[in-house]
C-alpha atoms as a PDB file:
ATOM      1  CA  MET A   1      59.992 -79.541 -24.925  1.00  0.00           C
ATOM      2  CA  LEU A   2      61.345 -80.926 -21.644  1.00  0.00           C
ATOM      3  CA  ILE A   3      63.530 -78.849 -19.365  1.00  0.00           C
ATOM      4  CA  ALA A   4      65.657 -80.380 -16.602  1.00  0.00           C
ATOM      5  CA  SER A   5      66.318 -78.665 -13.291  1.00  0.00           C
ATOM      6  CA  GLU A   6      68.079 -79.699 -10.094  1.00  0.00           C
ATOM      7  CA  LYS A   7      66.234 -80.370  -6.869  1.00  0.00           C
ATOM      8  CA  ALA A   8      67.510 -78.805  -3.687  1.00  0.00           C
ATOM      9  CA  GLY A   9      68.338 -82.229  -2.261  1.00  0.00           C
ATOM     10  CA  GLY A  10      69.989 -83.509  -5.399  1.00  0.00           C
ATOM     11  CA  GLY A  11      68.673 -85.287  -8.451  1.00  0.00           C
ATOM     12  CA  VAL A  12      66.969 -83.985 -11.565  1.00  0.00           C
ATOM     13  CA  VAL A  13      63.350 -82.963 -12.110  1.00  0.00           C
ATOM     14  CA  SER A  14      61.831 -82.654 -15.591  1.00  0.00           C
ATOM     15  CA  TYR A  15      58.759 -80.684 -16.460  1.00  0.00           C
ATOM     16  CA  ASP A  16      57.028 -79.519 -19.603  1.00  0.00           C
ATOM     17  CA  ASP A  17      57.653 -75.808 -20.142  1.00  0.00           C
ATOM     18  CA  GLU A  18      54.631 -75.641 -22.462  1.00  0.00           C
ATOM     19  CA  ARG A  19      52.410 -76.313 -19.466  1.00  0.00           C
ATOM     20  CA  GLN A  20      54.251 -73.757 -17.372  1.00  0.00           C
ATOM     21  CA  HIS A  21      53.871 -71.091 -20.070  1.00  0.00           C
ATOM     22  CA  ARG A  22      50.393 -71.854 -21.332  1.00  0.00           C
ATOM     23  CA  PRO A  23      48.830 -68.668 -22.778  1.00  0.00           C
ATOM     24  CA  GLN A  24      46.080 -67.060 -20.750  1.00  0.00           C
ATOM     25  CA  GLN A  25      42.557 -67.573 -22.087  1.00  0.00           C
ATOM     26  CA  TRP A  26      40.415 -64.438 -22.243  1.00  0.00           C
ATOM     27  CA  SER A  27      36.836 -63.929 -23.363  1.00  0.00           C
ATOM     28  CA  PRO A  28      34.891 -60.691 -23.790  1.00  0.00           C
ATOM     29  CA  TYR A  29      31.802 -62.491 -22.517  1.00  0.00           C
ATOM     30  CA  THR A  30      30.602 -63.754 -19.174  1.00  0.00           C
ATOM     31  CA  ASN A  31      27.272 -65.248 -18.175  1.00  0.00           C
ATOM     32  CA  ASN A  32      25.843 -63.539 -15.106  1.00  0.00           C
ATOM     33  CA  GLY A  33      23.001 -66.043 -14.764  1.00  0.00           C
ATOM     34  CA  GLY A  34      19.391 -65.487 -13.867  1.00  0.00           C
ATOM     35  CA  THR A  35      16.075 -66.343 -15.476  1.00  0.00           C
ATOM     36  CA  SER A  36      13.494 -64.365 -17.463  1.00  0.00           C
ATOM     37  CA  MET A  37      10.012 -65.600 -18.304  1.00  0.00           C
ATOM     38  CA  ALA A  38       6.863 -64.438 -20.089  1.00  0.00           C
ATOM     39  CA  VAL A  39       3.404 -65.957 -20.549  1.00  0.00           C
ATOM     40  CA  ALA A  40       0.796 -64.552 -22.949  1.00  0.00           C
ATOM     41  CA  GLY A  41      -2.932 -64.620 -22.231  1.00  0.00           C
ATOM     42  CA  ALA A  42      -5.992 -63.700 -24.250  1.00  0.00           C
ATOM     43  CA  ASP A  43      -5.848 -60.022 -23.267  1.00  0.00           C
ATOM     44  CA  PHE A  44      -2.839 -59.856 -20.957  1.00  0.00           C
ATOM     45  CA  VAL A  45       0.776 -60.908 -20.607  1.00  0.00           C
ATOM     46  CA  VAL A  46       2.853 -61.695 -17.514  1.00  0.00           C
ATOM     47  CA  VAL A  47       6.609 -61.043 -17.564  1.00  0.00           C
ATOM     48  CA  ALA A  48       8.977 -61.930 -14.732  1.00  0.00           C
ATOM     49  CA  SER A  49      12.720 -61.980 -14.018  1.00  0.00           C
ATOM     50  CA  ASP A  50      14.783 -62.619 -10.927  1.00  0.00           C
ATOM     51  CA  THR A  51      17.243 -60.020  -9.631  1.00  0.00           C
ATOM     52  CA  ARG A  52      20.329 -62.105  -8.799  1.00  0.00           C
ATOM     53  CA  MET A  53      23.606 -61.309 -10.576  1.00  0.00           C
ATOM     54  CA  SER A  54      26.290 -63.985 -10.294  1.00  0.00           C
ATOM     55  CA  THR A  55      29.770 -64.718 -11.547  1.00  0.00           C
ATOM     56  CA  GLY A  56      30.781 -68.334 -11.117  1.00  0.00           C
ATOM     57  CA  TYR A  57      29.967 -69.303  -7.553  1.00  0.00           C
ATOM     58  CA  SER A  58      29.893 -65.698  -6.327  1.00  0.00           C
ATOM     59  CA  ILE A  59      26.791 -63.528  -5.945  1.00  0.00           C
ATOM     60  CA  MET A  60      27.762 -60.040  -7.101  1.00  0.00           C
ATOM     61  CA  SER A  61      24.396 -58.436  -6.365  1.00  0.00           C
ATOM     62  CA  ARG A  62      20.925 -59.421  -5.195  1.00  0.00           C
ATOM     63  CA  ALA A  63      19.085 -56.453  -6.708  1.00  0.00           C
ATOM     64  CA  VAL A  64      19.868 -56.140 -10.421  1.00  0.00           C
ATOM     65  CA  PRO A  65      16.686 -55.931 -12.546  1.00  0.00           C
ATOM     66  CA  LYS A  66      16.623 -57.854 -15.820  1.00  0.00           C
ATOM     67  CA  THR A  67      13.297 -56.423 -17.007  1.00  0.00           C
ATOM     68  CA  ILE A  68      12.585 -52.840 -18.038  1.00  0.00           C
ATOM     69  CA  GLN A  69       9.397 -51.207 -19.261  1.00  0.00           C
ATOM     70  CA  LEU A  70       9.860 -49.833 -22.775  1.00  0.00           C
ATOM     71  CA  THR A  71       6.367 -48.398 -23.266  1.00  0.00           C
ATOM     72  CA  ASP A  72       3.122 -48.463 -21.309  1.00  0.00           C
ATOM     73  CA  LYS A  73       2.260 -51.794 -22.984  1.00  0.00           C
ATOM     74  CA  THR A  74       5.641 -53.344 -23.804  1.00  0.00           C
ATOM     75  CA  VAL A  75       8.529 -54.655 -21.694  1.00  0.00           C
ATOM     76  CA  ILE A  76      11.784 -56.444 -22.431  1.00  0.00           C
ATOM     77  CA  ALA A  77      13.325 -59.111 -20.201  1.00  0.00           C
ATOM     78  CA  THR A  78      16.912 -60.187 -20.761  1.00  0.00           C
ATOM     79  CA  ALA A  79      19.179 -62.923 -19.447  1.00  0.00           C
ATOM     80  CA  GLY A  80      22.899 -63.358 -20.135  1.00  0.00           C
ATOM     81  CA  MET A  81      25.704 -60.854 -19.585  1.00  0.00           C
ATOM     82  CA  ALA A  82      24.753 -57.919 -17.356  1.00  0.00           C
ATOM     83  CA  ALA A  83      26.940 -55.327 -19.123  1.00  0.00           C
ATOM     84  CA  ASP A  84      25.623 -56.233 -22.578  1.00  0.00           C
ATOM     85  CA  ARG A  85      22.059 -56.305 -21.241  1.00  0.00           C
ATOM     86  CA  ASP A  86      22.326 -52.789 -19.816  1.00  0.00           C
ATOM     87  CA  ALA A  87      23.917 -51.452 -23.000  1.00  0.00           C
ATOM     88  CA  PHE A  88      21.263 -53.071 -25.168  1.00  0.00           C
ATOM     89  CA  HIS A  89      18.385 -51.825 -23.010  1.00  0.00           C
ATOM     90  CA  LYS A  90      19.748 -48.270 -23.217  1.00  0.00           C
ATOM     91  CA  LEU A  91      20.061 -48.557 -27.000  1.00  0.00           C
ATOM     92  CA  ILE A  92      16.480 -49.752 -27.493  1.00  0.00           C
ATOM     93  CA  SER A  93      15.134 -47.141 -25.068  1.00  0.00           C
ATOM     94  CA  ALA A  94      16.941 -44.404 -27.013  1.00  0.00           C
ATOM     95  CA  TYR A  95      15.424 -45.586 -30.307  1.00  0.00           C
ATOM     96  CA  LEU A  96      11.946 -45.598 -28.768  1.00  0.00           C
ATOM     97  CA  THR A  97      12.381 -42.079 -27.388  1.00  0.00           C
ATOM     98  CA  LYS A  98      13.548 -40.856 -30.797  1.00  0.00           C
ATOM     99  CA  TYR A  99      10.591 -42.562 -32.481  1.00  0.00           C
ATOM    100  CA  GLU A 100       8.109 -40.958 -30.082  1.00  0.00           C
ATOM    101  CA  HIS A 101       9.591 -37.491 -30.598  1.00  0.00           C
ATOM    102  CA  THR A 102       9.638 -37.921 -34.381  1.00  0.00           C
ATOM    103  CA  HIS A 103       6.186 -39.436 -34.906  1.00  0.00           C
ATOM    104  CA  GLY A 104       4.294 -38.159 -31.878  1.00  0.00           C
ATOM    105  CA  ARG A 105       3.140 -41.607 -30.773  1.00  0.00           C
ATOM    106  CA  VAL A 106       4.408 -44.664 -28.940  1.00  0.00           C
ATOM    107  CA  MET A 107       5.766 -47.602 -30.914  1.00  0.00           C
ATOM    108  CA  GLY A 108       3.572 -50.722 -30.852  1.00  0.00           C
ATOM    109  CA  THR A 109       4.658 -54.066 -29.450  1.00  0.00           C
ATOM    110  CA  GLU A 110       5.037 -55.712 -32.872  1.00  0.00           C
ATOM    111  CA  ALA A 111       7.277 -52.876 -34.066  1.00  0.00           C
ATOM    112  CA  VAL A 112       9.350 -53.038 -30.871  1.00  0.00           C
ATOM    113  CA  ALA A 113       9.838 -56.769 -31.447  1.00  0.00           C
ATOM    114  CA  GLN A 114      11.171 -56.091 -34.949  1.00  0.00           C
ATOM    115  CA  LEU A 115      13.385 -53.253 -33.680  1.00  0.00           C
ATOM    116  CA  VAL A 116      14.998 -55.575 -31.131  1.00  0.00           C
ATOM    117  CA  SER A 117      15.620 -58.205 -33.816  1.00  0.00           C
ATOM    118  CA  THR A 118      17.211 -55.695 -36.197  1.00  0.00           C
ATOM    119  CA  ASN A 119      19.588 -54.306 -33.579  1.00  0.00           C
ATOM    120  CA  LEU A 120      20.649 -57.767 -32.448  1.00  0.00           C
ATOM    121  CA  TYR A 121      21.244 -58.912 -36.023  1.00  0.00           C
ATOM    122  CA  GLN A 122      23.392 -55.945 -36.997  1.00  0.00           C
ATOM    123  CA  ARG A 123      25.789 -56.985 -34.222  1.00  0.00           C
ATOM    124  CA  ARG A 124      25.885 -60.625 -35.338  1.00  0.00           C
ATOM    125  CA  PHE A 125      29.661 -60.691 -35.919  1.00  0.00           C
ATOM    126  CA  PHE A 126      30.312 -59.540 -32.344  1.00  0.00           C
ATOM    127  CA  PRO A 127      26.897 -60.114 -30.765  1.00  0.00           C
ATOM    128  CA  TYR A 128      25.452 -58.916 -27.525  1.00  0.00           C
ATOM    129  CA  TYR A 129      25.607 -61.844 -25.104  1.00  0.00           C
ATOM    130  CA  THR A 130      21.923 -61.454 -24.319  1.00  0.00           C
ATOM    131  CA  PHE A 131      18.884 -63.689 -24.595  1.00  0.00           C
ATOM    132  CA  ASN A 132      15.777 -61.566 -24.817  1.00  0.00           C
ATOM    133  CA  ILE A 133      12.022 -61.757 -24.447  1.00  0.00           C
ATOM    134  CA  VAL A 134       9.806 -58.915 -25.646  1.00  0.00           C
ATOM    135  CA  ALA A 135       6.251 -59.004 -24.328  1.00  0.00           C
ATOM    136  CA  GLY A 136       3.236 -56.735 -24.400  1.00  0.00           C
ATOM    137  CA  ILE A 137      -0.196 -56.091 -25.851  1.00  0.00           C
ATOM    138  CA  ASP A 138      -0.436 -56.193 -29.651  1.00  0.00           C
ATOM    139  CA  ASN A 139      -2.527 -53.992 -31.937  1.00  0.00           C
ATOM    140  CA  ASN A 140      -5.492 -56.348 -31.530  1.00  0.00           C
ATOM    141  CA  GLY A 141      -5.433 -56.158 -27.741  1.00  0.00           C
ATOM    142  CA  LYS A 142      -4.021 -59.660 -27.291  1.00  0.00           C
ATOM    143  CA  GLY A 143      -1.045 -60.723 -25.206  1.00  0.00           C
ATOM    144  CA  ALA A 144       2.132 -61.205 -27.240  1.00  0.00           C
ATOM    145  CA  VAL A 145       5.460 -62.837 -26.378  1.00  0.00           C
ATOM    146  CA  TYR A 146       8.505 -62.860 -28.671  1.00  0.00           C
ATOM    147  CA  GLY A 147      11.565 -65.027 -28.012  1.00  0.00           C
ATOM    148  CA  TYR A 148      15.044 -64.351 -29.436  1.00  0.00           C
ATOM    149  CA  ASP A 149      18.407 -65.967 -29.871  1.00  0.00           C
ATOM    150  CA  ALA A 150      21.635 -63.978 -29.455  1.00  0.00           C
ATOM    151  CA  ILE A 151      21.743 -62.709 -33.060  1.00  0.00           C
ATOM    152  CA  GLY A 152      18.151 -61.620 -33.475  1.00  0.00           C
ATOM    153  CA  SER A 153      16.232 -64.588 -34.869  1.00  0.00           C
ATOM    154  CA  PHE A 154      12.820 -64.410 -33.233  1.00  0.00           C
ATOM    155  CA  GLU A 155       9.305 -65.781 -33.277  1.00  0.00           C
ATOM    156  CA  ARG A 156       6.013 -65.140 -31.551  1.00  0.00           C
ATOM    157  CA  ILE A 157       5.372 -67.808 -28.937  1.00  0.00           C
ATOM    158  CA  PRO A 158       2.681 -68.491 -26.299  1.00  0.00           C
ATOM    159  CA  PHE A 159       5.302 -68.405 -23.538  1.00  0.00           C
ATOM    160  CA  GLY A 160       9.069 -68.284 -23.216  1.00  0.00           C
ATOM    161  CA  VAL A 161      11.871 -68.741 -20.704  1.00  0.00           C
ATOM    162  CA  GLN A 162      15.450 -67.493 -21.102  1.00  0.00           C
ATOM    163  CA  GLY A 163      18.549 -67.803 -18.950  1.00  0.00           C
ATOM    164  CA  SER A 164      20.091 -70.315 -16.588  1.00  0.00           C
ATOM    165  CA  GLY A 165      16.699 -71.674 -15.510  1.00  0.00           C
ATOM    166  CA  ALA A 166      15.297 -71.989 -19.037  1.00  0.00           C
ATOM    167  CA  ALA A 167      15.318 -75.791 -19.222  1.00  0.00           C
ATOM    168  CA  LEU A 168      13.623 -76.131 -15.839  1.00  0.00           C
ATOM    169  CA  GLY A 169      11.056 -73.403 -16.437  1.00  0.00           C
ATOM    170  CA  THR A 170      10.152 -74.455 -19.976  1.00  0.00           C
ATOM    171  CA  SER A 171       9.447 -78.033 -18.921  1.00  0.00           C
ATOM    172  CA  ILE A 172       7.048 -76.878 -16.191  1.00  0.00           C
ATOM    173  CA  LEU A 173       5.214 -74.469 -18.491  1.00  0.00           C
ATOM    174  CA  ASP A 174       4.980 -77.162 -21.177  1.00  0.00           C
ATOM    175  CA  ASN A 175       3.228 -79.328 -18.619  1.00  0.00           C
ATOM    176  CA  GLN A 176       0.979 -76.688 -17.081  1.00  0.00           C
ATOM    177  CA  LEU A 177       0.074 -74.628 -20.159  1.00  0.00           C
ATOM    178  CA  GLU A 178       0.468 -76.902 -23.172  1.00  0.00           C
ATOM    179  CA  PHE A 179      -0.358 -80.174 -21.377  1.00  0.00           C
ATOM    180  CA  LYS A 180       2.374 -81.950 -23.326  1.00  0.00           C
ATOM    181  CA  GLN A 181       2.115 -85.750 -23.117  1.00  0.00           C
ATOM    182  CA  GLN A 182      -1.156 -85.518 -21.188  1.00  0.00           C
ATOM    183  CA  PRO A 183      -4.630 -86.653 -22.265  1.00  0.00           C
ATOM    184  CA  LYS A 184      -6.197 -83.393 -21.103  1.00  0.00           C
ATOM    185  CA  ASN A 185      -7.536 -80.283 -22.728  1.00  0.00           C
ATOM    186  CA  LYS A 186      -5.689 -77.024 -22.268  1.00  0.00           C
ATOM    187  CA  LYS A 187      -6.902 -74.930 -19.369  1.00  0.00           C
ATOM    188  CA  VAL A 188      -7.273 -71.217 -20.000  1.00  0.00           C
ATOM    189  CA  LEU A 189      -5.761 -69.328 -17.068  1.00  0.00           C
ATOM    190  CA  SER A 190      -6.854 -65.934 -15.841  1.00  0.00           C
ATOM    191  CA  ALA A 191      -4.328 -63.165 -15.258  1.00  0.00           C
ATOM    192  CA  SER A 192      -4.198 -63.804 -11.502  1.00  0.00           C
ATOM    193  CA  ASP A 193      -3.817 -67.569 -12.030  1.00  0.00           C
ATOM    194  CA  THR A 194      -0.976 -66.936 -14.470  1.00  0.00           C
ATOM    195  CA  VAL A 195       0.838 -64.727 -11.957  1.00  0.00           C
ATOM    196  CA  THR A 196       0.463 -67.480  -9.351  1.00  0.00           C
ATOM    197  CA  LEU A 197       1.826 -70.052 -11.804  1.00  0.00           C
ATOM    198  CA  VAL A 198       4.828 -67.852 -12.614  1.00  0.00           C
ATOM    199  CA  LYS A 199       5.589 -67.504  -8.898  1.00  0.00           C
ATOM    200  CA  ASP A 200       5.419 -71.287  -8.471  1.00  0.00           C
ATOM    201  CA  VAL A 201       7.727 -71.843 -11.438  1.00  0.00           C
ATOM    202  CA  PHE A 202      10.313 -69.386 -10.105  1.00  0.00           C
ATOM    203  CA  THR A 203      10.141 -71.030  -6.685  1.00  0.00           C
ATOM    204  CA  SER A 204      10.923 -74.394  -8.305  1.00  0.00           C
ATOM    205  CA  ILE A 205      13.744 -72.956 -10.406  1.00  0.00           C
ATOM    206  CA  GLY A 206      15.258 -71.231  -7.371  1.00  0.00           C
ATOM    207  CA  GLU A 207      15.420 -74.568  -5.537  1.00  0.00           C
ATOM    208  CA  ARG A 208      17.556 -76.115  -8.284  1.00  0.00           C
ATOM    209  CA  ASP A 209      19.438 -73.315 -10.049  1.00  0.00           C
ATOM    210  CA  ILE A 210      22.045 -71.477  -7.987  1.00  0.00           C
ATOM    211  CA  TYR A 211      22.021 -68.540 -10.423  1.00  0.00           C
ATOM    212  CA  THR A 212      18.315 -67.764  -9.893  1.00  0.00           C
ATOM    213  CA  GLY A 213      17.153 -66.286  -6.622  1.00  0.00           C
ATOM    214  CA  ASP A 214      16.670 -63.363  -4.228  1.00  0.00           C
ATOM    215  CA  GLN A 215      13.646 -61.605  -5.739  1.00  0.00           C
ATOM    216  CA  VAL A 216      11.381 -61.698  -8.789  1.00  0.00           C
ATOM    217  CA  ASP A 217      10.095 -58.618 -10.622  1.00  0.00           C
ATOM    218  CA  ILE A 218       6.651 -59.420 -12.057  1.00  0.00           C
ATOM    219  CA  TYR A 219       4.881 -57.256 -14.644  1.00  0.00           C
ATOM    220  CA  LEU A 220       1.217 -57.785 -15.536  1.00  0.00           C
ATOM    221  CA  ILE A 221       0.381 -55.937 -18.748  1.00  0.00           C
ATOM    222  CA  THR A 222      -3.172 -55.321 -19.985  1.00  0.00           C
ATOM    223  CA  LYS A 223      -4.875 -52.783 -22.234  1.00  0.00           C
ATOM    224  CA  ALA A 224      -5.366 -50.633 -19.138  1.00  0.00           C
ATOM    225  CA  GLY A 225      -1.635 -50.455 -18.413  1.00  0.00           C
ATOM    226  CA  THR A 226       1.082 -52.232 -16.449  1.00  0.00           C
ATOM    227  CA  LYS A 227       1.143 -53.415 -12.855  1.00  0.00           C
ATOM    228  CA  HIS A 228       4.415 -54.277 -11.114  1.00  0.00           C
ATOM    229  CA  GLU A 229       4.970 -56.422  -8.037  1.00  0.00           C
ATOM    230  CA  THR A 230       7.855 -58.285  -6.424  1.00  0.00           C
ATOM    231  CA  PHE A 231       8.069 -61.815  -5.090  1.00  0.00           C
ATOM    232  CA  GLN A 232      10.683 -63.026  -2.613  1.00  0.00           C
ATOM    233  CA  LEU A 233      12.846 -66.065  -3.365  1.00  0.00           C
ATOM    234  CA  LYS A 234      15.490 -67.851  -1.316  1.00  0.00           C
ATOM    235  CA  LEU A 235      18.650 -65.880  -0.584  1.00  0.00           C
ATOM    236  CA  ASP A 236      21.062 -68.829  -0.656  1.00  0.00           C
END
Protein backbone atom coordinates (compact mmCIF):
# COMPACT_ATOMS: atom_id res chain seq x y z
CA MET A 1 0.00 0.00 0.00
CA LEU A 2 1.39 3.40 -1.00
CA ILE A 3 0.87 6.47 1.15
CA ALA A 4 1.37 10.01 -0.15
CA SER A 5 2.72 12.84 1.97
CA GLU A 6 3.68 16.44 1.26
CA LYS A 7 7.26 17.64 1.30
CA ALA A 8 8.10 20.79 3.19
CA GLY A 9 9.04 22.56 -0.04
CA GLY A 10 6.02 21.37 -1.96
CA GLY A 11 5.34 18.30 -4.04
CA VAL A 12 4.34 14.79 -3.06
CA VAL A 13 6.47 11.93 -1.74
CA SER A 14 5.28 8.31 -1.81
CA TYR A 15 6.61 5.53 0.33
CA ASP A 16 5.64 1.99 1.17
CA ASP A 17 4.14 1.84 4.66
CA GLU A 18 4.83 -1.90 4.80
CA ARG A 19 8.54 -1.12 4.85
CA GLN A 20 8.07 1.55 7.48
CA HIS A 21 6.11 -0.82 9.72
CA ARG A 22 8.00 -4.05 9.16
CA PRO A 23 7.62 -6.30 12.23
CA GLN A 24 10.67 -6.69 14.43
CA GLN A 25 12.50 -10.01 14.10
CA TRP A 26 13.40 -11.69 17.39
CA SER A 27 15.22 -14.93 18.11
CA PRO A 28 15.78 -16.68 21.44
CA TYR A 29 19.22 -17.71 20.21
CA THR A 30 22.50 -15.97 19.61
CA ASN A 31 25.89 -17.37 18.67
CA ASN A 32 28.62 -16.11 20.98
CA GLY A 33 31.40 -17.64 18.88
CA GLY A 34 34.54 -19.40 19.97
CA THR A 35 36.11 -22.77 19.24
CA SER A 36 36.36 -26.05 21.16
CA MET A 37 38.61 -28.94 20.20
CA ALA A 38 39.56 -32.42 21.40
CA VAL A 39 42.09 -35.00 20.22
CA ALA A 40 42.20 -38.59 21.51
CA GLY A 41 45.43 -40.53 21.97
CA ALA A 42 46.21 -44.11 22.89
CA ASP A 43 46.06 -43.44 26.64
CA PHE A 44 45.31 -39.73 26.83
CA VAL A 45 43.06 -37.01 25.46
CA VAL A 46 43.68 -33.29 24.94
CA VAL A 47 40.76 -30.86 25.16
CA ALA A 48 41.01 -27.13 24.47
CA SER A 49 38.72 -24.11 24.12
CA ASP A 50 39.32 -20.40 23.74
CA THR A 51 37.87 -17.91 26.23
CA ARG A 52 36.52 -15.15 23.97
CA MET A 53 32.80 -14.32 24.12
CA SER A 54 31.49 -12.21 21.24
CA THR A 55 28.25 -10.80 19.94
CA GLY A 56 28.45 -9.65 16.35
CA TYR A 57 31.54 -7.49 16.04
CA SER A 58 31.72 -6.78 19.78
CA ILE A 59 33.86 -8.66 22.31
CA MET A 60 31.75 -9.02 25.45
CA SER A 61 34.41 -10.78 27.50
CA ARG A 62 37.92 -12.18 27.10
CA ALA A 63 37.74 -14.66 29.98
CA VAL A 64 34.70 -16.92 29.62
CA PRO A 65 35.63 -20.63 29.85
CA LYS A 66 33.91 -23.03 27.46
CA THR A 67 35.33 -26.19 29.05
CA ILE A 68 34.52 -27.59 32.48
CA GLN A 69 35.78 -30.69 34.25
CA LEU A 70 32.90 -33.06 35.00
CA THR A 71 34.90 -35.81 36.71
CA ASP A 72 38.57 -36.51 37.31
CA LYS A 73 38.74 -38.19 33.87
CA THR A 74 36.00 -36.48 31.85
CA VAL A 75 35.48 -32.93 30.58
CA ILE A 76 32.93 -31.24 28.35
CA ALA A 77 33.73 -28.43 25.91
CA THR A 78 30.92 -26.42 24.37
CA ALA A 79 30.61 -23.81 21.64
CA GLY A 80 27.49 -21.83 20.70
CA MET A 81 25.32 -19.66 22.94
CA ALA A 82 26.92 -18.76 26.27
CA ALA A 83 23.68 -18.73 28.30
CA ASP A 84 22.58 -22.14 27.02
CA ARG A 85 26.09 -23.52 27.54
CA ASP A 86 26.17 -22.43 31.19
CA ALA A 87 22.68 -23.80 31.83
CA PHE A 88 23.53 -27.11 30.20
CA HIS A 89 26.83 -27.47 32.07
CA LYS A 90 25.03 -26.87 35.38
CA LEU A 91 22.40 -29.47 34.48
CA ILE A 92 24.94 -32.17 33.62
CA SER A 93 27.03 -31.37 36.71
CA ALA A 94 23.92 -31.74 38.90
CA TYR A 95 23.12 -35.15 37.39
CA LEU A 96 26.69 -36.32 38.00
CA THR A 97 26.62 -35.15 41.62
CA LYS A 98 23.32 -36.97 42.16
CA TYR A 99 24.72 -40.12 40.55
CA GLU A 100 27.81 -40.05 42.77
CA HIS A 101 25.74 -39.60 45.93
CA THR A 102 23.33 -42.37 44.92
CA HIS A 103 25.82 -44.99 43.73
CA GLY A 104 28.95 -44.05 45.66
CA ARG A 105 31.15 -43.85 42.57
CA VAL A 106 31.97 -41.50 39.72
CA MET A 107 30.23 -41.94 36.38
CA GLY A 108 32.47 -43.22 33.56
CA THR A 109 33.20 -41.31 30.38
CA GLU A 110 31.00 -43.54 28.19
CA ALA A 111 28.05 -43.06 30.54
CA VAL A 112 28.62 -39.29 30.65
CA ALA A 113 28.58 -39.23 26.85
CA GLN A 114 25.19 -40.98 26.82
CA LEU A 115 23.86 -38.69 29.56
CA VAL A 116 24.75 -35.61 27.50
CA SER A 117 23.04 -37.09 24.44
CA THR A 118 19.85 -37.91 26.36
CA ASN A 119 19.54 -34.44 27.86
CA LEU A 120 20.13 -32.74 24.53
CA TYR A 121 17.58 -34.96 22.78
CA GLN A 122 14.82 -34.38 25.31
CA ARG A 123 15.04 -30.67 24.45
CA ARG A 124 14.92 -31.28 20.70
CA PHE A 125 11.77 -29.20 20.13
CA PHE A 126 13.39 -26.15 21.74
CA PRO A 127 17.05 -27.22 21.80
CA TYR A 128 19.99 -25.82 23.63
CA TYR A 129 21.99 -23.79 21.12
CA THR A 130 25.15 -25.67 22.03
CA PHE A 131 27.62 -27.81 20.12
CA ASN A 132 29.38 -30.13 22.51
CA ILE A 133 32.43 -32.35 22.80
CA VAL A 134 32.76 -34.84 25.64
CA ALA A 135 36.26 -36.22 26.15
CA GLY A 136 38.01 -38.38 28.70
CA ILE A 137 39.49 -41.77 29.48
CA ASP A 138 37.22 -44.76 28.82
CA ASN A 139 36.87 -47.95 30.85
CA ASN A 140 39.76 -49.52 28.93
CA GLY A 141 42.14 -46.67 29.70
CA LYS A 142 42.04 -45.24 26.17
CA GLY A 143 41.39 -41.66 25.13
CA ALA A 144 37.81 -41.04 23.99
CA VAL A 145 36.22 -38.11 22.16
CA TYR A 146 32.49 -37.79 21.44
CA GLY A 147 31.06 -35.17 19.08
CA TYR A 148 27.44 -33.94 19.14
CA ASP A 149 24.97 -31.96 17.12
CA ALA A 150 22.49 -29.58 18.78
CA ILE A 151 19.84 -32.25 19.46
CA GLY A 152 22.02 -35.00 20.86
CA SER A 153 23.08 -37.19 17.94
CA PHE A 154 26.63 -38.25 18.74
CA GLU A 155 29.45 -40.56 17.77
CA ARG A 156 32.88 -41.49 19.03
CA ILE A 157 35.54 -39.86 16.89
CA PRO A 158 39.37 -39.66 16.92
CA PHE A 159 39.21 -35.86 17.15
CA GLY A 160 36.61 -33.12 16.90
CA VAL A 161 36.26 -29.36 16.54
CA GLN A 162 33.13 -27.33 17.31
CA GLY A 163 32.30 -23.65 17.00
CA SER A 164 33.15 -20.75 14.73
CA GLY A 165 36.61 -22.15 13.93
CA ALA A 166 35.41 -25.70 13.23
CA ALA A 167 35.98 -25.65 9.47
CA LEU A 168 39.49 -24.25 9.84
CA GLY A 169 40.49 -26.52 12.71
CA THR A 170 39.06 -29.71 11.23
CA SER A 171 40.92 -29.24 7.95
CA ILE A 172 44.25 -28.86 9.78
CA LEU A 173 43.67 -31.89 11.99
CA ASP A 174 42.60 -33.93 8.95
CA ASN A 175 45.95 -33.10 7.41
CA GLN A 176 48.12 -33.57 10.49
CA LEU A 177 46.41 -36.55 12.13
CA GLU A 178 44.58 -38.43 9.39
CA PHE A 179 46.96 -37.51 6.55
CA LYS A 180 44.01 -37.06 4.20
CA GLN A 181 45.04 -36.91 0.53
CA GLN A 182 48.66 -37.67 1.42
CA PRO A 183 50.74 -40.73 0.52
CA LYS A 184 52.05 -41.05 4.07
CA ASN A 185 51.40 -43.29 7.02
CA LYS A 186 49.74 -41.86 10.09
CA LYS A 187 52.13 -40.59 12.73
CA VAL A 188 51.30 -41.47 16.31
CA LEU A 189 51.74 -38.36 18.46
CA SER A 190 52.72 -38.32 22.10
CA ALA A 191 50.72 -36.33 24.63
CA SER A 192 53.18 -33.41 24.57
CA ASP A 193 53.25 -33.39 20.75
CA THR A 194 49.45 -33.35 20.68
CA VAL A 195 49.34 -30.36 23.04
CA THR A 196 51.81 -28.55 20.79
CA LEU A 197 49.69 -29.36 17.73
CA VAL A 198 46.54 -28.06 19.43
CA LYS A 199 48.33 -24.80 20.27
CA ASP A 200 49.43 -24.43 16.64
CA VAL A 201 45.90 -25.08 15.38
CA PHE A 202 44.41 -22.47 17.72
CA THR A 203 47.06 -19.97 16.65
CA SER A 204 46.05 -20.51 13.01
CA ILE A 205 42.34 -20.26 13.79
CA GLY A 206 42.87 -17.06 15.79
CA GLU A 207 44.56 -15.44 12.78
CA ARG A 208 41.49 -16.00 10.60
CA ASP A 209 38.43 -16.19 12.87
CA ILE A 210 37.51 -12.99 14.71
CA TYR A 211 35.40 -14.95 17.21
CA THR A 212 38.34 -17.06 18.46
CA GLY A 213 41.04 -15.46 20.55
CA ASP A 214 42.41 -14.12 23.84
CA GLN A 215 43.34 -17.34 25.67
CA VAL A 216 43.05 -21.11 25.35
CA ASP A 217 42.24 -23.47 28.23
CA ILE A 218 44.00 -26.80 27.60
CA TYR A 219 43.23 -30.00 29.52
CA LEU A 220 45.45 -33.08 29.26
CA ILE A 221 43.64 -36.11 30.67
CA THR A 222 45.35 -39.42 31.47
CA LYS A 223 44.68 -42.34 33.80
CA ALA A 224 46.65 -40.45 36.45
CA GLY A 225 44.33 -37.44 36.32
CA THR A 226 43.93 -34.09 34.59
CA LYS A 227 46.44 -31.32 33.98
CA HIS A 228 45.31 -27.80 33.04
CA GLU A 229 47.29 -25.05 31.35
CA THR A 230 46.56 -21.85 29.46
CA PHE A 231 47.92 -20.56 26.17
CA GLN A 232 47.82 -16.92 25.08
CA LEU A 233 46.30 -15.91 21.74
CA LYS A 234 46.00 -12.55 20.02
CA LEU A 235 43.78 -9.98 21.72
CA ASP A 236 42.50 -8.30 18.55
